[in-house]
Amino acid sequence: MTIQEQKMFGLGWPEILLILGVVIIIFGPKRIPELGGALGKTLRGFKEELQTQDVDSTEVVDVELGEGDPTAKKK
């Protein structure tokens, strides 16, 4: 395995450890699990919105065409 393959996002292990150390200093070890949970909820909600977006866009097309709306006038 070469050094280039070991890098994540162009960062080596020393840089990643430095970033983690700064995060622990700024937020504290007790606050990090809360931040992780909030990030997980945010990503979960974003994923659900992406999945429901397809359904919503189909409904919009149906309404524009007058389909699925019982009050729409038919010619």
PDB file of N, CA and C in Angstrom:
ATOM      1  N   MET A   1       0.837  -1.170   0.000  1.00  0.00           N
ATOM      2  CA  MET A   1       0.000   0.000   0.000  1.00  0.00           C
ATOM      3  C   MET A   1       0.894   1.248   0.000  1.00  0.00           C
ATOM      4  N   THR A   2       0.649   2.142  -0.906  1.00  0.00           N
ATOM      5  CA  THR A   2       1.478   3.342  -0.978  1.00  0.00           C
ATOM      6  C   THR A   2       0.930   4.419  -0.054  1.00  0.00           C
ATOM      7  N   ILE A   3       1.713   5.453   0.137  1.00  0.00           N
ATOM      8  CA  ILE A   3       1.292   6.558   0.998  1.00  0.00           C
ATOM      9  C   ILE A   3       0.069   7.255   0.402  1.00  0.00           C
ATOM     10  N   GLN A   4      -0.003   7.371  -0.890  1.00  0.00           N
ATOM     11  CA  GLN A   4      -1.128   8.045  -1.542  1.00  0.00           C
ATOM     12  C   GLN A   4      -2.442   7.313  -1.280  1.00  0.00           C
ATOM     13  N   GLU A   5      -2.431   5.985  -1.215  1.00  0.00           N
ATOM     14  CA  GLU A   5      -3.645   5.214  -0.972  1.00  0.00           C
ATOM     15  C   GLU A   5      -4.133   5.340   0.463  1.00  0.00           C
ATOM     16  N   GLN A   6      -3.248   5.689   1.395  1.00  0.00           N
ATOM     17  CA  GLN A   6      -3.618   5.781   2.794  1.00  0.00           C
ATOM     18  C   GLN A   6      -4.277   7.116   3.129  1.00  0.00           C
ATOM     19  N   LYS A   7      -4.260   8.057   2.235  1.00  0.00           N
ATOM     20  CA  LYS A   7      -4.812   9.377   2.521  1.00  0.00           C
ATOM     21  C   LYS A   7      -6.319   9.391   2.291  1.00  0.00           C
ATOM     22  N   MET A   8      -7.011  10.094   3.181  1.00  0.00           N
ATOM     23  CA  MET A   8      -8.450  10.227   3.096  1.00  0.00           C
ATOM     24  C   MET A   8      -8.756  11.695   2.803  1.00  0.00           C
ATOM     25  N   PHE A   9      -9.419  11.975   1.695  1.00  0.00           N
ATOM     26  CA  PHE A   9      -9.743  13.336   1.273  1.00  0.00           C
ATOM     27  C   PHE A   9      -8.488  14.187   1.135  1.00  0.00           C
ATOM     28  N   GLY A  10      -7.386  13.575   0.774  1.00  0.00           N
ATOM     29  CA  GLY A  10      -6.142  14.309   0.609  1.00  0.00           C
ATOM     30  C   GLY A  10      -5.452  14.616   1.926  1.00  0.00           C
ATOM     31  N   LEU A  11      -5.944  14.067   3.030  1.00  0.00           N
ATOM     32  CA  LEU A  11      -5.361  14.298   4.343  1.00  0.00           C
ATOM     33  C   LEU A  11      -4.691  13.027   4.828  1.00  0.00           C
ATOM     34  N   GLY A  12      -3.548  13.180   5.447  1.00  0.00           N
ATOM     35  CA  GLY A  12      -2.872  12.038   6.042  1.00  0.00           C
ATOM     36  C   GLY A  12      -3.315  11.864   7.483  1.00  0.00           C
ATOM     37  N   TRP A  13      -2.828  10.799   8.120  1.00  0.00           N
ATOM     38  CA  TRP A  13      -3.210  10.532   9.504  1.00  0.00           C
ATOM     39  C   TRP A  13      -2.807  11.660  10.457  1.00  0.00           C
ATOM     40  N   PRO A  14      -1.623  12.268  10.309  1.00  0.00           N
ATOM     41  CA  PRO A  14      -1.287  13.370  11.238  1.00  0.00           C
ATOM     42  C   PRO A  14      -2.282  14.535  11.156  1.00  0.00           C
ATOM     43  N   GLU A  15      -2.719  14.873   9.940  1.00  0.00           N
ATOM     44  CA  GLU A  15      -3.680  15.967   9.780  1.00  0.00           C
ATOM     45  C   GLU A  15      -5.039  15.605  10.374  1.00  0.00           C
ATOM     46  N   ILE A  16      -5.471  14.359  10.170  1.00  0.00           N
ATOM     47  CA  ILE A  16      -6.759  13.911  10.710  1.00  0.00           C
ATOM     48  C   ILE A  16      -6.731  13.932  12.233  1.00  0.00           C
ATOM     49  N   LEU A  17      -5.643  13.457  12.840  1.00  0.00           N
ATOM     50  CA  LEU A  17      -5.515  13.472  14.294  1.00  0.00           C
ATOM     51  C   LEU A  17      -5.486  14.900  14.827  1.00  0.00           C
ATOM     52  N   LEU A  18      -4.834  15.812  14.121  1.00  0.00           N
ATOM     53  CA  LEU A  18      -4.795  17.215  14.526  1.00  0.00           C
ATOM     54  C   LEU A  18      -6.199  17.822  14.499  1.00  0.00           C
ATOM     55  N   ILE A  19      -6.958  17.535  13.449  1.00  0.00           N
ATOM     56  CA  ILE A  19      -8.327  18.043  13.338  1.00  0.00           C
ATOM     57  C   ILE A  19      -9.189  17.482  14.468  1.00  0.00           C
ATOM     58  N   LEU A  20      -9.075  16.183  14.740  1.00  0.00           N
ATOM     59  CA  LEU A  20      -9.840  15.576  15.838  1.00  0.00           C
ATOM     60  C   LEU A  20      -9.467  16.194  17.182  1.00  0.00           C
ATOM     61  N   GLY A  21      -8.197  16.460  17.387  1.00  0.00           N
ATOM     62  CA  GLY A  21      -7.758  17.106  18.624  1.00  0.00           C
ATOM     63  C   GLY A  21      -8.347  18.496  18.779  1.00  0.00           C
ATOM     64  N   VAL A  22      -8.374  19.268  17.711  1.00  0.00           N
ATOM     65  CA  VAL A  22      -8.946  20.611  17.761  1.00  0.00           C
ATOM     66  C   VAL A  22     -10.445  20.538  18.032  1.00  0.00           C
ATOM     67  N   VAL A  23     -11.140  19.582  17.414  1.00  0.00           N
ATOM     68  CA  VAL A  23     -12.577  19.419  17.643  1.00  0.00           C
ATOM     69  C   VAL A  23     -12.843  19.081  19.107  1.00  0.00           C
ATOM     70  N   ILE A  24     -12.037  18.217  19.688  1.00  0.00           N
ATOM     71  CA  ILE A  24     -12.221  17.845  21.095  1.00  0.00           C
ATOM     72  C   ILE A  24     -11.956  19.047  21.996  1.00  0.00           C
ATOM     73  N   ILE A  25     -10.953  19.842  21.665  1.00  0.00           N
ATOM     74  CA  ILE A  25     -10.656  21.026  22.470  1.00  0.00           C
ATOM     75  C   ILE A  25     -11.791  22.045  22.373  1.00  0.00           C
ATOM     76  N   ILE A  26     -12.323  22.261  21.191  1.00  0.00           N
ATOM     77  CA  ILE A  26     -13.368  23.274  20.990  1.00  0.00           C
ATOM     78  C   ILE A  26     -14.685  22.845  21.620  1.00  0.00           C
ATOM     79  N   PHE A  27     -15.147  21.637  21.337  1.00  0.00           N
ATOM     80  CA  PHE A  27     -16.470  21.211  21.769  1.00  0.00           C
ATOM     81  C   PHE A  27     -16.458  20.431  23.082  1.00  0.00           C
ATOM     82  N   GLY A  28     -15.359  19.829  23.431  1.00  0.00           N
ATOM     83  CA  GLY A  28     -15.299  19.027  24.646  1.00  0.00           C
ATOM     84  C   GLY A  28     -15.780  17.616  24.382  1.00  0.00           C
ATOM     85  N   PRO A  29     -15.264  16.666  25.159  1.00  0.00           N
ATOM     86  CA  PRO A  29     -15.603  15.262  24.915  1.00  0.00           C
ATOM     87  C   PRO A  29     -17.066  14.923  25.207  1.00  0.00           C
ATOM     88  N   LYS A  30     -17.743  15.693  26.062  1.00  0.00           N
ATOM     89  CA  LYS A  30     -19.140  15.394  26.385  1.00  0.00           C
ATOM     90  C   LYS A  30     -20.087  15.873  25.295  1.00  0.00           C
ATOM     91  N   ARG A  31     -19.695  16.867  24.557  1.00  0.00           N
ATOM     92  CA  ARG A  31     -20.584  17.457  23.553  1.00  0.00           C
ATOM     93  C   ARG A  31     -20.498  16.734  22.201  1.00  0.00           C
ATOM     94  N   ILE A  32     -19.415  16.029  21.933  1.00  0.00           N
ATOM     95  CA  ILE A  32     -19.209  15.381  20.635  1.00  0.00           C
ATOM     96  C   ILE A  32     -20.290  14.339  20.315  1.00  0.00           C
ATOM     97  N   PRO A  33     -20.719  13.478  21.259  1.00  0.00           N
ATOM     98  CA  PRO A  33     -21.809  12.540  20.922  1.00  0.00           C
ATOM     99  C   PRO A  33     -23.111  13.257  20.559  1.00  0.00           C
ATOM    100  N   GLU A  34     -23.393  14.392  21.210  1.00  0.00           N
ATOM    101  CA  GLU A  34     -24.587  15.164  20.866  1.00  0.00           C
ATOM    102  C   GLU A  34     -24.501  15.683  19.436  1.00  0.00           C
ATOM    103  N   LEU A  35     -23.327  16.172  19.068  1.00  0.00           N
ATOM    104  CA  LEU A  35     -23.139  16.673  17.705  1.00  0.00           C
ATOM    105  C   LEU A  35     -23.272  15.546  16.687  1.00  0.00           C
ATOM    106  N   GLY A  36     -22.747  14.370  17.021  1.00  0.00           N
ATOM    107  CA  GLY A  36     -22.874  13.218  16.127  1.00  0.00           C
ATOM    108  C   GLY A  36     -24.322  12.802  15.944  1.00  0.00           C
ATOM    109  N   GLY A  37     -25.082  12.825  17.035  1.00  0.00           N
ATOM    110  CA  GLY A  37     -26.505  12.480  16.948  1.00  0.00           C
ATOM    111  C   GLY A  37     -27.279  13.480  16.106  1.00  0.00           C
ATOM    112  N   ALA A  38     -26.973  14.767  16.292  1.00  0.00           N
ATOM    113  CA  ALA A  38     -27.647  15.806  15.503  1.00  0.00           C
ATOM    114  C   ALA A  38     -27.292  15.672  14.020  1.00  0.00           C
ATOM    115  N   LEU A  39     -26.038  15.363  13.743  1.00  0.00           N
ATOM    116  CA  LEU A  39     -25.623  15.177  12.354  1.00  0.00           C
ATOM    117  C   LEU A  39     -26.324  13.965  11.745  1.00  0.00           C
ATOM    118  N   GLY A  40     -26.450  12.887  12.504  1.00  0.00           N
ATOM    119  CA  GLY A  40     -27.145  11.694  12.021  1.00  0.00           C
ATOM    120  C   GLY A  40     -28.612  11.970  11.715  1.00  0.00           C
ATOM    121  N   LYS A  41     -29.294  12.716  12.594  1.00  0.00           N
ATOM    122  CA  LYS A  41     -30.692  13.061  12.353  1.00  0.00           C
ATOM    123  C   LYS A  41     -30.840  13.935  11.117  1.00  0.00           C
ATOM    124  N   THR A  42     -29.908  14.869  10.954  1.00  0.00           N
ATOM    125  CA  THR A  42     -29.954  15.752   9.792  1.00  0.00           C
ATOM    126  C   THR A  42     -29.769  14.965   8.500  1.00  0.00           C
ATOM    127  N   LEU A  43     -28.794  14.075   8.480  1.00  0.00           N
ATOM    128  CA  LEU A  43     -28.557  13.267   7.277  1.00  0.00           C
ATOM    129  C   LEU A  43     -29.721  12.331   6.995  1.00  0.00           C
ATOM    130  N   ARG A  44     -30.328  11.772   8.049  1.00  0.00           N
ATOM    131  CA  ARG A  44     -31.484  10.888   7.884  1.00  0.00           C
ATOM    132  C   ARG A  44     -32.659  11.654   7.276  1.00  0.00           C
ATOM    133  N   GLY A  45     -32.909  12.859   7.793  1.00  0.00           N
ATOM    134  CA  GLY A  45     -33.992  13.683   7.258  1.00  0.00           C
ATOM    135  C   GLY A  45     -33.745  14.076   5.817  1.00  0.00           C
ATOM    136  N   PHE A  46     -32.487  14.407   5.503  1.00  0.00           N
ATOM    137  CA  PHE A  46     -32.133  14.769   4.133  1.00  0.00           C
ATOM    138  C   PHE A  46     -32.355  13.597   3.190  1.00  0.00           C
ATOM    139  N   LYS A  47     -31.986  12.403   3.635  1.00  0.00           N
ATOM    140  CA  LYS A  47     -32.170  11.202   2.814  1.00  0.00           C
ATOM    141  C   LYS A  47     -33.655  10.934   2.576  1.00  0.00           C
ATOM    142  N   GLU A  48     -34.476  11.094   3.621  1.00  0.00           N
ATOM    143  CA  GLU A  48     -35.919  10.879   3.471  1.00  0.00           C
ATOM    144  C   GLU A  48     -36.531  11.892   2.507  1.00  0.00           C
ATOM    145  N   GLU A  49     -36.081  13.135   2.567  1.00  0.00           N
ATOM    146  CA  GLU A  49     -36.595  14.163   1.657  1.00  0.00           C
ATOM    147  C   GLU A  49     -36.228  13.843   0.210  1.00  0.00           C
ATOM    148  N   LEU A  50     -35.030  13.324  -0.008  1.00  0.00           N
ATOM    149  CA  LEU A  50     -34.639  12.951  -1.370  1.00  0.00           C
ATOM    150  C   LEU A  50     -35.507  11.817  -1.895  1.00  0.00           C
ATOM    151  N   GLN A  51     -35.864  10.879  -1.028  1.00  0.00           N
ATOM    152  CA  GLN A  51     -36.696   9.755  -1.452  1.00  0.00           C
ATOM    153  C   GLN A  51     -38.127  10.193  -1.715  1.00  0.00           C
ATOM    154  N   THR A  52     -38.659  11.119  -0.939  1.00  0.00           N
ATOM    155  CA  THR A  52     -40.031  11.574  -1.140  1.00  0.00           C
ATOM    156  C   THR A  52     -40.128  12.620  -2.241  1.00  0.00           C
ATOM    157  N   GLN A  53     -39.020  13.159  -2.671  1.00  0.00           N
ATOM    158  CA  GLN A  53     -39.025  14.171  -3.730  1.00  0.00           C
ATOM    159  C   GLN A  53     -39.572  13.582  -5.026  1.00  0.00           C
ATOM    160  N   ASP A  54     -39.255  12.349  -5.318  1.00  0.00           N
ATOM    161  CA  ASP A  54     -39.753  11.706  -6.532  1.00  0.00           C
ATOM    162  C   ASP A  54     -41.274  11.600  -6.492  1.00  0.00           C
ATOM    163  N   VAL A  55     -41.835  11.242  -5.352  1.00  0.00           N
ATOM    164  CA  VAL A  55     -43.280  11.117  -5.212  1.00  0.00           C
ATOM    165  C   VAL A  55     -43.937  12.487  -5.353  1.00  0.00           C
ATOM    166  N   ASP A  56     -43.361  13.503  -4.720  1.00  0.00           N
ATOM    167  CA  ASP A  56     -43.916  14.855  -4.785  1.00  0.00           C
ATOM    168  C   ASP A  56     -43.902  15.396  -6.205  1.00  0.00           C
ATOM    169  N   SER A  57     -42.835  15.165  -6.954  1.00  0.00           N
ATOM    170  CA  SER A  57     -42.765  15.690  -8.311  1.00  0.00           C
ATOM    171  C   SER A  57     -43.790  15.000  -9.209  1.00  0.00           C
ATOM    172  N   THR A  58     -44.085  13.736  -8.961  1.00  0.00           N
ATOM    173  CA  THR A  58     -45.109  13.032  -9.724  1.00  0.00           C
ATOM    174  C   THR A  58     -46.480  13.614  -9.430  1.00  0.00           C
ATOM    175  N   GLU A  59     -46.750  13.940  -8.168  1.00  0.00           N
ATOM    176  CA  GLU A  59     -48.029  14.540  -7.799  1.00  0.00           C
ATOM    177  C   GLU A  59     -48.210  15.905  -8.454  1.00  0.00           C
ATOM    178  N   VAL A  60     -47.136  16.681  -8.528  1.00  0.00           N
ATOM    179  CA  VAL A  60     -47.219  18.003  -9.152  1.00  0.00           C
ATOM    180  C   VAL A  60     -47.574  17.872 -10.618  1.00  0.00           C
ATOM    181  N   VAL A  61     -46.983  16.932 -11.315  1.00  0.00           N
ATOM    182  CA  VAL A  61     -47.288  16.727 -12.730  1.00  0.00           C
ATOM    183  C   VAL A  61     -48.746  16.308 -12.885  1.00  0.00           C
ATOM    184  N   ASP A  62     -49.246  15.424 -12.020  1.00  0.00           N
ATOM    185  CA  ASP A  62     -50.640  14.990 -12.086  1.00  0.00           C
ATOM    186  C   ASP A  62     -51.595  16.158 -11.884  1.00  0.00           C
ATOM    187  N   VAL A  63     -51.297  17.029 -10.950  1.00  0.00           N
ATOM    188  CA  VAL A  63     -52.160  18.177 -10.679  1.00  0.00           C
ATOM    189  C   VAL A  63     -52.148  19.139 -11.854  1.00  0.00           C
ATOM    190  N   GLU A  64     -50.971  19.372 -12.440  1.00  0.00           N
ATOM    191  CA  GLU A  64     -50.881  20.281 -13.580  1.00  0.00           C
ATOM    192  C   GLU A  64     -51.664  19.753 -14.767  1.00  0.00           C
ATOM    193  N   LEU A  65     -51.710  18.444 -14.914  1.00  0.00           N
ATOM    194  CA  LEU A  65     -52.441  17.845 -16.021  1.00  0.00           C
ATOM    195  C   LEU A  65     -53.919  17.697 -15.714  1.00  0.00           C
ATOM    196  N   GLY A  66     -54.313  17.988 -14.474  1.00  0.00           N
ATOM    197  CA  GLY A  66     -55.703  17.875 -14.091  1.00  0.00           C
ATOM    198  C   GLY A  66     -56.087  16.474 -13.682  1.00  0.00           C
ATOM    199  N   GLU A  67     -55.131  15.587 -13.554  1.00  0.00           N
ATOM    200  CA  GLU A  67     -55.407  14.223 -13.142  1.00  0.00           C
ATOM    201  C   GLU A  67     -55.348  14.138 -11.620  1.00  0.00           C
ATOM    202  N   GLY A  68     -56.161  13.298 -11.066  1.00  0.00           N
ATOM    203  CA  GLY A  68     -56.138  13.086  -9.637  1.00  0.00           C
ATOM    204  C   GLY A  68     -56.856  14.170  -8.849  1.00  0.00           C
ATOM    205  N   ASP A  69     -57.397  15.180  -9.496  1.00  0.00           N
ATOM    206  CA  ASP A  69     -58.118  16.244  -8.813  1.00  0.00           C
ATOM    207  C   ASP A  69     -59.604  16.119  -9.172  1.00  0.00           C
ATOM    208  N   PRO A  70     -60.440  15.695  -8.230  1.00  0.00           N
ATOM    209  CA  PRO A  70     -61.859  15.476  -8.536  1.00  0.00           C
ATOM    210  C   PRO A  70     -62.587  16.772  -8.880  1.00  0.00           C
ATOM    211  N   THR A  71     -62.059  17.918  -8.496  1.00  0.00           N
ATOM    212  CA  THR A  71     -62.739  19.185  -8.797  1.00  0.00           C
ATOM    213  C   THR A  71     -62.339  19.749 -10.154  1.00  0.00           C
ATOM    214  N   ALA A  72     -61.373  19.116 -10.814  1.00  0.00           N
ATOM    215  CA  ALA A  72     -60.914  19.615 -12.108  1.00  0.00           C
ATOM    216  C   ALA A  72     -61.995  19.391 -13.161  1.00  0.00           C
ATOM    217  N   LYS A  73     -62.147  20.370 -14.043  1.00  0.00           N
ATOM    218  CA  LYS A  73     -63.145  20.254 -15.105  1.00  0.00           C
ATOM    219  C   LYS A  73     -62.583  19.398 -16.223  1.00  0.00           C
ATOM    220  N   LYS A  74     -63.402  18.481 -16.707  1.00  0.00           N
ATOM    221  CA  LYS A  74     -62.992  17.634 -17.821  1.00  0.00           C
ATOM    222  C   LYS A  74     -63.764  18.034 -19.055  1.00  0.00           C
ATOM    223  N   LYS A  75     -63.083  18.056 -20.176  1.00  0.00           N
ATOM    224  CA  LYS A  75     -63.721  18.467 -21.433  1.00  0.00           C
ATOM    225  C   LYS A  75     -64.311  17.306 -22.153  1.00  0.00           C
TER     226      LYS A  75
END
